[in-house]
Amino acid sequence: MTPQVEIIDKGLIDYKECWDFQEDLFKETVDQKILLRDGKSDQQTNDYLIFCQHPHVYTLGKSGNEQNLLMAEAMLKSINAQYYKINRGGDITYHGPGQIVMYPIFDLDHFFTDIHKYMRFLEEAVILTLAEFGIKAGRVEGLTGVWLDGGTPKERKICAMGVKASRWVTMHGIALNVNTDLSYFNHIVPCGIEDKSVTSMEKELGKRLDLTQVQEVLKENMANIFNFDYKNA
């Protein structure tokens, strides 16, 4: 049976507000799985795909190093940015306007129970999306995310990833730099990797892009790769 995924577009939303929203859906899905397992319900779990943008914010994963934030927390207000320590994998990253953030709240029992494969599928959706806009991207061995010119001195990241999973339910996800203000990355060691730079679709193509168009292409690639049908919330 083909999974049915509900698409939720939150637009520009405060990071903490969207994090709380994710947590609610995540907990609801995990709790429902437990009821199903224990024979206390026959209602199946739902799958969600959240798209949004955030105001300027830095987030540090549970395994991250606080020293990768290169400015004092007290100074963040001067650049209109917030900072959160969160429960995903990975180190520090930046979110801001002009960046497409995608959070799948998937019950992987509906797809496949393999986190490594899940991460590679997320990367593939981004790689295919970038290709449709004329950007050749790929992977770098041993590193997550999507990169340009991997394995060369010009290696640079265009999409960061960090996920959490429990009982095969996922949350958090990816951040694709489209029209992103890359100067905000100067205040961190992105993903804890000191010798790699970051880029955006705008920088690579020399023009601003329609975020809605890029998001639609990404959504279709997700549906094709994960083989799901979708409906809008």
C-alpha atoms as a PDB file:
ATOM      1  CA  MET A   1       0.000   0.000   0.000  1.00  0.00           C
ATOM      2  CA  THR A   2       1.383   3.405  -0.994  1.00  0.00           C
ATOM      3  CA  PRO A   3       2.008   5.670   2.013  1.00  0.00           C
ATOM      4  CA  GLN A   4      -0.069   8.854   2.221  1.00  0.00           C
ATOM      5  CA  VAL A   5       1.857  11.929   3.393  1.00  0.00           C
ATOM      6  CA  GLU A   6       0.291  15.183   4.562  1.00  0.00           C
ATOM      7  CA  ILE A   7       2.169  18.262   3.315  1.00  0.00           C
ATOM      8  CA  ILE A   8       2.273  21.120   5.825  1.00  0.00           C
ATOM      9  CA  ASP A   9       3.657  24.489   4.692  1.00  0.00           C
ATOM     10  CA  LYS A  10       4.404  26.670   7.722  1.00  0.00           C
ATOM     11  CA  GLY A  11       5.930  29.556   5.765  1.00  0.00           C
ATOM     12  CA  LEU A  12       8.246  31.764   7.845  1.00  0.00           C
ATOM     13  CA  ILE A  13       7.956  30.479  11.411  1.00  0.00           C
ATOM     14  CA  ASP A  14       9.897  30.923  14.641  1.00  0.00           C
ATOM     15  CA  TYR A  15      12.260  28.001  15.172  1.00  0.00           C
ATOM     16  CA  LYS A  16      11.019  27.101  18.664  1.00  0.00           C
ATOM     17  CA  GLU A  17       7.387  27.261  17.567  1.00  0.00           C
ATOM     18  CA  CYS A  18       8.053  24.846  14.699  1.00  0.00           C
ATOM     19  CA  TRP A  19      10.213  22.613  16.919  1.00  0.00           C
ATOM     20  CA  ASP A  20       7.311  22.333  19.382  1.00  0.00           C
ATOM     21  CA  PHE A  21       4.972  21.556  16.475  1.00  0.00           C
ATOM     22  CA  GLN A  22       7.316  18.795  15.295  1.00  0.00           C
ATOM     23  CA  GLU A  23       7.588  17.393  18.818  1.00  0.00           C
ATOM     24  CA  ASP A  24       3.798  17.204  19.125  1.00  0.00           C
ATOM     25  CA  LEU A  25       3.439  15.289  15.836  1.00  0.00           C
ATOM     26  CA  PHE A  26       6.414  13.087  16.702  1.00  0.00           C
ATOM     27  CA  LYS A  27       5.026  12.189  20.148  1.00  0.00           C
ATOM     28  CA  GLU A  28       1.552  11.603  18.742  1.00  0.00           C
ATOM     29  CA  THR A  29       2.999   9.195  16.154  1.00  0.00           C
ATOM     30  CA  VAL A  30       5.206   7.316  18.633  1.00  0.00           C
ATOM     31  CA  ASP A  31       2.340   7.039  21.161  1.00  0.00           C
ATOM     32  CA  GLN A  32       0.035   5.695  18.453  1.00  0.00           C
ATOM     33  CA  LYS A  33       2.637   3.083  17.456  1.00  0.00           C
ATOM     34  CA  ILE A  34       2.781   1.872  21.043  1.00  0.00           C
ATOM     35  CA  LEU A  35      -1.017   1.576  21.191  1.00  0.00           C
ATOM     36  CA  LEU A  36      -0.988  -0.385  17.913  1.00  0.00           C
ATOM     37  CA  ARG A  37       1.770  -2.668  19.178  1.00  0.00           C
ATOM     38  CA  ASP A  38      -0.116  -3.352  22.401  1.00  0.00           C
ATOM     39  CA  GLY A  39      -3.373  -4.037  20.573  1.00  0.00           C
ATOM     40  CA  LYS A  40      -5.093  -1.065  22.195  1.00  0.00           C
ATOM     41  CA  SER A  41      -5.888   0.678  18.900  1.00  0.00           C
ATOM     42  CA  ASP A  42      -6.313  -0.184  15.247  1.00  0.00           C
ATOM     43  CA  GLN A  43      -5.773   3.376  14.032  1.00  0.00           C
ATOM     44  CA  GLN A  44      -2.705   3.623  11.797  1.00  0.00           C
ATOM     45  CA  THR A  45      -0.049   6.288  12.205  1.00  0.00           C
ATOM     46  CA  ASN A  46       0.161   9.303   9.892  1.00  0.00           C
ATOM     47  CA  ASP A  47       3.107  10.695   7.942  1.00  0.00           C
ATOM     48  CA  TYR A  48       3.853  14.402   7.568  1.00  0.00           C
ATOM     49  CA  LEU A  49       6.217  16.525   5.508  1.00  0.00           C
ATOM     50  CA  ILE A  50       6.718  20.030   6.917  1.00  0.00           C
ATOM     51  CA  PHE A  51       8.180  22.851   4.823  1.00  0.00           C
ATOM     52  CA  CYS A  52       9.162  26.198   6.315  1.00  0.00           C
ATOM     53  CA  GLN A  53      11.684  28.986   6.647  1.00  0.00           C
ATOM     54  CA  HIS A  54      13.031  30.305   9.935  1.00  0.00           C
ATOM     55  CA  PRO A  55      14.173  33.725  11.117  1.00  0.00           C
ATOM     56  CA  HIS A  56      17.928  33.801  11.739  1.00  0.00           C
ATOM     57  CA  VAL A  57      18.786  31.002  14.170  1.00  0.00           C
ATOM     58  CA  TYR A  58      21.679  28.711  15.073  1.00  0.00           C
ATOM     59  CA  THR A  59      20.950  25.194  16.313  1.00  0.00           C
ATOM     60  CA  LEU A  60      23.398  22.821  17.985  1.00  0.00           C
ATOM     61  CA  GLY A  61      22.850  19.068  17.797  1.00  0.00           C
ATOM     62  CA  LYS A  62      23.182  16.855  20.861  1.00  0.00           C
ATOM     63  CA  SER A  63      26.660  15.671  19.843  1.00  0.00           C
ATOM     64  CA  GLY A  64      27.825  19.143  18.834  1.00  0.00           C
ATOM     65  CA  ASN A  65      30.597  21.305  20.270  1.00  0.00           C
ATOM     66  CA  GLU A  66      29.476  24.651  21.712  1.00  0.00           C
ATOM     67  CA  GLN A  67      32.825  26.144  20.665  1.00  0.00           C
ATOM     68  CA  ASN A  68      31.646  25.910  17.052  1.00  0.00           C
ATOM     69  CA  LEU A  69      29.495  28.971  17.768  1.00  0.00           C
ATOM     70  CA  LEU A  70      32.157  31.605  17.138  1.00  0.00           C
ATOM     71  CA  MET A  71      30.493  34.512  18.937  1.00  0.00           C
ATOM     72  CA  ALA A  72      29.245  34.983  22.478  1.00  0.00           C
ATOM     73  CA  GLU A  73      25.563  34.176  22.949  1.00  0.00           C
ATOM     74  CA  ALA A  74      25.099  37.683  24.326  1.00  0.00           C
ATOM     75  CA  MET A  75      26.174  39.065  20.928  1.00  0.00           C
ATOM     76  CA  LEU A  76      23.580  37.141  18.916  1.00  0.00           C
ATOM     77  CA  LYS A  77      20.992  39.858  19.419  1.00  0.00           C
ATOM     78  CA  SER A  78      23.233  42.261  17.517  1.00  0.00           C
ATOM     79  CA  ILE A  79      22.792  40.161  14.360  1.00  0.00           C
ATOM     80  CA  ASN A  80      19.111  39.457  15.090  1.00  0.00           C
ATOM     81  CA  ALA A  81      19.746  35.735  15.630  1.00  0.00           C
ATOM     82  CA  GLN A  82      18.646  33.121  18.161  1.00  0.00           C
ATOM     83  CA  TYR A  83      20.422  29.999  19.426  1.00  0.00           C
ATOM     84  CA  TYR A  84      19.040  26.613  20.524  1.00  0.00           C
ATOM     85  CA  LYS A  85      20.564  23.349  21.706  1.00  0.00           C
ATOM     86  CA  ILE A  86      18.355  20.658  20.215  1.00  0.00           C
ATOM     87  CA  ASN A  87      17.833  16.888  20.105  1.00  0.00           C
ATOM     88  CA  ARG A  88      18.884  15.996  16.562  1.00  0.00           C
ATOM     89  CA  GLY A  89      22.148  14.458  15.469  1.00  0.00           C
ATOM     90  CA  GLY A  90      24.951  16.542  14.045  1.00  0.00           C
ATOM     91  CA  ASP A  91      26.739  19.704  15.138  1.00  0.00           C
ATOM     92  CA  ILE A  92      25.877  23.382  14.653  1.00  0.00           C
ATOM     93  CA  THR A  93      24.041  24.804  11.683  1.00  0.00           C
ATOM     94  CA  TYR A  94      22.270  27.983  10.600  1.00  0.00           C
ATOM     95  CA  HIS A  95      18.703  28.558   9.451  1.00  0.00           C
ATOM     96  CA  GLY A  96      17.386  31.779   7.989  1.00  0.00           C
ATOM     97  CA  PRO A  97      15.139  33.420   5.406  1.00  0.00           C
ATOM     98  CA  GLY A  98      15.757  32.236   1.854  1.00  0.00           C
ATOM     99  CA  GLN A  99      16.548  28.708   3.002  1.00  0.00           C
ATOM    100  CA  ILE A 100      14.114  25.813   2.484  1.00  0.00           C
ATOM    101  CA  VAL A 101      13.812  23.723   5.640  1.00  0.00           C
ATOM    102  CA  MET A 102      12.081  20.354   5.352  1.00  0.00           C
ATOM    103  CA  TYR A 103      11.065  18.213   8.323  1.00  0.00           C
ATOM    104  CA  PRO A 104       9.698  14.719   7.545  1.00  0.00           C
ATOM    105  CA  ILE A 105       7.728  13.200  10.411  1.00  0.00           C
ATOM    106  CA  PHE A 106       7.691   9.721   8.904  1.00  0.00           C
ATOM    107  CA  ASP A 107       6.814   6.366  10.392  1.00  0.00           C
ATOM    108  CA  LEU A 108       9.525   4.410   8.614  1.00  0.00           C
ATOM    109  CA  ASP A 109       7.532   1.210   9.086  1.00  0.00           C
ATOM    110  CA  HIS A 110       5.542   2.579   6.132  1.00  0.00           C
ATOM    111  CA  PHE A 111       8.709   2.825   4.022  1.00  0.00           C
ATOM    112  CA  PHE A 112      11.778   0.883   5.226  1.00  0.00           C
ATOM    113  CA  THR A 113      13.456   0.533   8.595  1.00  0.00           C
ATOM    114  CA  ASP A 114      16.950   1.696   7.712  1.00  0.00           C
ATOM    115  CA  ILE A 115      18.186   5.104   8.944  1.00  0.00           C
ATOM    116  CA  HIS A 116      21.261   5.048   6.686  1.00  0.00           C
ATOM    117  CA  LYS A 117      19.034   4.480   3.645  1.00  0.00           C
ATOM    118  CA  TYR A 118      16.656   7.187   4.890  1.00  0.00           C
ATOM    119  CA  MET A 119      19.493   9.727   5.019  1.00  0.00           C
ATOM    120  CA  ARG A 120      20.697   8.777   1.551  1.00  0.00           C
ATOM    121  CA  PHE A 121      17.148   9.124   0.171  1.00  0.00           C
ATOM    122  CA  LEU A 122      16.895  12.640   1.640  1.00  0.00           C
ATOM    123  CA  GLU A 123      20.201  13.530   0.003  1.00  0.00           C
ATOM    124  CA  GLU A 124      19.049  12.060  -3.314  1.00  0.00           C
ATOM    125  CA  ALA A 125      15.891  14.190  -3.298  1.00  0.00           C
ATOM    126  CA  VAL A 126      18.050  17.297  -2.943  1.00  0.00           C
ATOM    127  CA  ILE A 127      20.588  16.149  -5.553  1.00  0.00           C
ATOM    128  CA  LEU A 128      17.810  15.596  -8.094  1.00  0.00           C
ATOM    129  CA  THR A 129      16.216  18.940  -7.234  1.00  0.00           C
ATOM    130  CA  LEU A 130      19.464  20.813  -7.755  1.00  0.00           C
ATOM    131  CA  ALA A 131      19.989  19.009 -11.063  1.00  0.00           C
ATOM    132  CA  GLU A 132      16.665  20.348 -12.320  1.00  0.00           C
ATOM    133  CA  PHE A 133      18.033  23.867 -11.784  1.00  0.00           C
ATOM    134  CA  GLY A 134      21.320  23.107 -13.507  1.00  0.00           C
ATOM    135  CA  ILE A 135      23.467  22.482 -10.424  1.00  0.00           C
ATOM    136  CA  LYS A 136      25.497  19.263 -10.318  1.00  0.00           C
ATOM    137  CA  ALA A 137      25.715  18.056  -6.715  1.00  0.00           C
ATOM    138  CA  GLY A 138      26.593  14.861  -4.896  1.00  0.00           C
ATOM    139  CA  ARG A 139      27.867  13.312  -1.674  1.00  0.00           C
ATOM    140  CA  VAL A 140      31.186  13.344   0.167  1.00  0.00           C
ATOM    141  CA  GLU A 141      32.252  10.046   1.692  1.00  0.00           C
ATOM    142  CA  GLY A 142      31.983  10.063   5.462  1.00  0.00           C
ATOM    143  CA  LEU A 143      29.969  13.285   5.604  1.00  0.00           C
ATOM    144  CA  THR A 144      26.220  13.870   5.515  1.00  0.00           C
ATOM    145  CA  GLY A 145      24.466  16.475   3.418  1.00  0.00           C
ATOM    146  CA  VAL A 146      24.750  17.522  -0.209  1.00  0.00           C
ATOM    147  CA  TRP A 147      27.930  18.955  -1.662  1.00  0.00           C
ATOM    148  CA  LEU A 148      29.292  20.585  -4.801  1.00  0.00           C
ATOM    149  CA  ASP A 149      32.678  19.618  -6.269  1.00  0.00           C
ATOM    150  CA  GLY A 150      33.083  16.866  -3.693  1.00  0.00           C
ATOM    151  CA  GLY A 151      36.593  15.498  -3.375  1.00  0.00           C
ATOM    152  CA  THR A 152      38.200  18.657  -4.785  1.00  0.00           C
ATOM    153  CA  PRO A 153      39.742  21.754  -3.158  1.00  0.00           C
ATOM    154  CA  LYS A 154      36.539  23.639  -4.121  1.00  0.00           C
ATOM    155  CA  GLU A 155      34.311  21.286  -2.088  1.00  0.00           C
ATOM    156  CA  ARG A 156      31.371  23.185  -0.542  1.00  0.00           C
ATOM    157  CA  LYS A 157      28.096  22.291   1.160  1.00  0.00           C
ATOM    158  CA  ILE A 158      24.739  23.446  -0.146  1.00  0.00           C
ATOM    159  CA  CYS A 159      22.407  21.358   2.052  1.00  0.00           C
ATOM    160  CA  ALA A 160      22.830  20.374   5.707  1.00  0.00           C
ATOM    161  CA  MET A 161      21.066  17.449   7.393  1.00  0.00           C
ATOM    162  CA  GLY A 162      20.339  16.325  10.920  1.00  0.00           C
ATOM    163  CA  VAL A 163      17.663  13.894  12.072  1.00  0.00           C
ATOM    164  CA  LYS A 164      16.281  12.207  15.147  1.00  0.00           C
ATOM    165  CA  ALA A 165      14.490   8.854  15.141  1.00  0.00           C
ATOM    166  CA  SER A 166      12.752   6.794  17.806  1.00  0.00           C
ATOM    167  CA  ARG A 167      10.716   3.635  17.228  1.00  0.00           C
ATOM    168  CA  TRP A 168      11.366   4.286  13.522  1.00  0.00           C
ATOM    169  CA  VAL A 169       9.621   7.669  13.656  1.00  0.00           C
ATOM    170  CA  THR A 170      11.702  10.584  12.302  1.00  0.00           C
ATOM    171  CA  MET A 171      11.894  14.301  12.986  1.00  0.00           C
ATOM    172  CA  HIS A 172      14.156  17.237  12.078  1.00  0.00           C
ATOM    173  CA  GLY A 173      15.528  17.001   8.536  1.00  0.00           C
ATOM    174  CA  ILE A 174      17.306  19.152   5.953  1.00  0.00           C
ATOM    175  CA  ALA A 175      18.149  22.777   5.199  1.00  0.00           C
ATOM    176  CA  LEU A 176      18.725  23.692   1.548  1.00  0.00           C
ATOM    177  CA  ASN A 177      20.415  27.033   0.874  1.00  0.00           C
ATOM    178  CA  VAL A 178      18.467  28.736  -1.898  1.00  0.00           C
ATOM    179  CA  ASN A 179      18.616  32.545  -1.486  1.00  0.00           C
ATOM    180  CA  THR A 180      20.353  32.306   1.886  1.00  0.00           C
ATOM    181  CA  ASP A 181      22.426  35.141   3.405  1.00  0.00           C
ATOM    182  CA  LEU A 182      25.675  33.175   3.632  1.00  0.00           C
ATOM    183  CA  SER A 183      27.354  35.789   5.855  1.00  0.00           C
ATOM    184  CA  TYR A 184      25.587  34.206   8.833  1.00  0.00           C
ATOM    185  CA  PHE A 185      27.736  31.103   8.404  1.00  0.00           C
ATOM    186  CA  ASN A 186      30.785  33.243   9.276  1.00  0.00           C
ATOM    187  CA  HIS A 187      29.739  33.106  12.936  1.00  0.00           C
ATOM    188  CA  ILE A 188      29.910  29.300  13.204  1.00  0.00           C
ATOM    189  CA  VAL A 189      31.973  26.292  12.172  1.00  0.00           C
ATOM    190  CA  PRO A 190      29.203  24.824   9.964  1.00  0.00           C
ATOM    191  CA  CYS A 191      28.393  21.263  11.014  1.00  0.00           C
ATOM    192  CA  GLY A 192      31.641  21.294  12.990  1.00  0.00           C
ATOM    193  CA  ILE A 193      33.719  21.001   9.799  1.00  0.00           C
ATOM    194  CA  GLU A 194      36.455  23.627   9.817  1.00  0.00           C
ATOM    195  CA  ASP A 195      37.931  23.326   6.335  1.00  0.00           C
ATOM    196  CA  LYS A 196      34.759  23.335   4.196  1.00  0.00           C
ATOM    197  CA  SER A 197      32.797  26.281   2.854  1.00  0.00           C
ATOM    198  CA  VAL A 198      29.076  26.682   2.234  1.00  0.00           C
ATOM    199  CA  THR A 199      27.183  27.896  -0.790  1.00  0.00           C
ATOM    200  CA  SER A 200      23.656  28.531  -2.062  1.00  0.00           C
ATOM    201  CA  MET A 201      21.698  28.081  -5.254  1.00  0.00           C
ATOM    202  CA  GLU A 202      21.669  31.870  -5.666  1.00  0.00           C
ATOM    203  CA  LYS A 203      25.451  32.059  -5.384  1.00  0.00           C
ATOM    204  CA  GLU A 204      26.016  29.186  -7.802  1.00  0.00           C
ATOM    205  CA  LEU A 205      23.548  30.423 -10.436  1.00  0.00           C
ATOM    206  CA  GLY A 206      24.132  34.147 -10.002  1.00  0.00           C
ATOM    207  CA  LYS A 207      20.448  34.907  -9.556  1.00  0.00           C
ATOM    208  CA  ARG A 208      17.707  34.694  -6.954  1.00  0.00           C
ATOM    209  CA  LEU A 209      15.268  31.819  -7.279  1.00  0.00           C
ATOM    210  CA  ASP A 210      11.565  31.403  -6.627  1.00  0.00           C
ATOM    211  CA  LEU A 211      11.499  29.503  -3.329  1.00  0.00           C
ATOM    212  CA  THR A 212       8.011  28.159  -4.007  1.00  0.00           C
ATOM    213  CA  GLN A 213       9.184  26.661  -7.297  1.00  0.00           C
ATOM    214  CA  VAL A 214      12.234  25.013  -5.689  1.00  0.00           C
ATOM    215  CA  GLN A 215      10.060  23.666  -2.860  1.00  0.00           C
ATOM    216  CA  GLU A 216       7.574  22.161  -5.312  1.00  0.00           C
ATOM    217  CA  VAL A 217      10.359  20.381  -7.188  1.00  0.00           C
ATOM    218  CA  LEU A 218      11.793  19.077  -3.903  1.00  0.00           C
ATOM    219  CA  LYS A 219       8.363  17.845  -2.814  1.00  0.00           C
ATOM    220  CA  GLU A 220       7.866  15.945  -6.082  1.00  0.00           C
ATOM    221  CA  ASN A 221      11.311  14.374  -5.823  1.00  0.00           C
ATOM    222  CA  MET A 222      10.586  13.289  -2.248  1.00  0.00           C
ATOM    223  CA  ALA A 223       7.328  11.700  -3.389  1.00  0.00           C
ATOM    224  CA  ASN A 224       9.050   9.867  -6.234  1.00  0.00           C
ATOM    225  CA  ILE A 225      12.034   8.621  -4.224  1.00  0.00           C
ATOM    226  CA  PHE A 226      10.056   7.538  -1.163  1.00  0.00           C
ATOM    227  CA  ASN A 227       7.144   6.391  -3.351  1.00  0.00           C
ATOM    228  CA  PHE A 228       4.342   8.167  -1.503  1.00  0.00           C
ATOM    229  CA  ASP A 229       1.174  10.024  -2.427  1.00  0.00           C
ATOM    230  CA  TYR A 230       0.540  13.355  -0.761  1.00  0.00           C
ATOM    231  CA  LYS A 231      -2.192  15.776   0.172  1.00  0.00           C
ATOM    232  CA  ASN A 232      -1.941  19.352   1.398  1.00  0.00           C
ATOM    233  CA  ALA A 233      -2.985  20.111   4.976  1.00  0.00           C
END
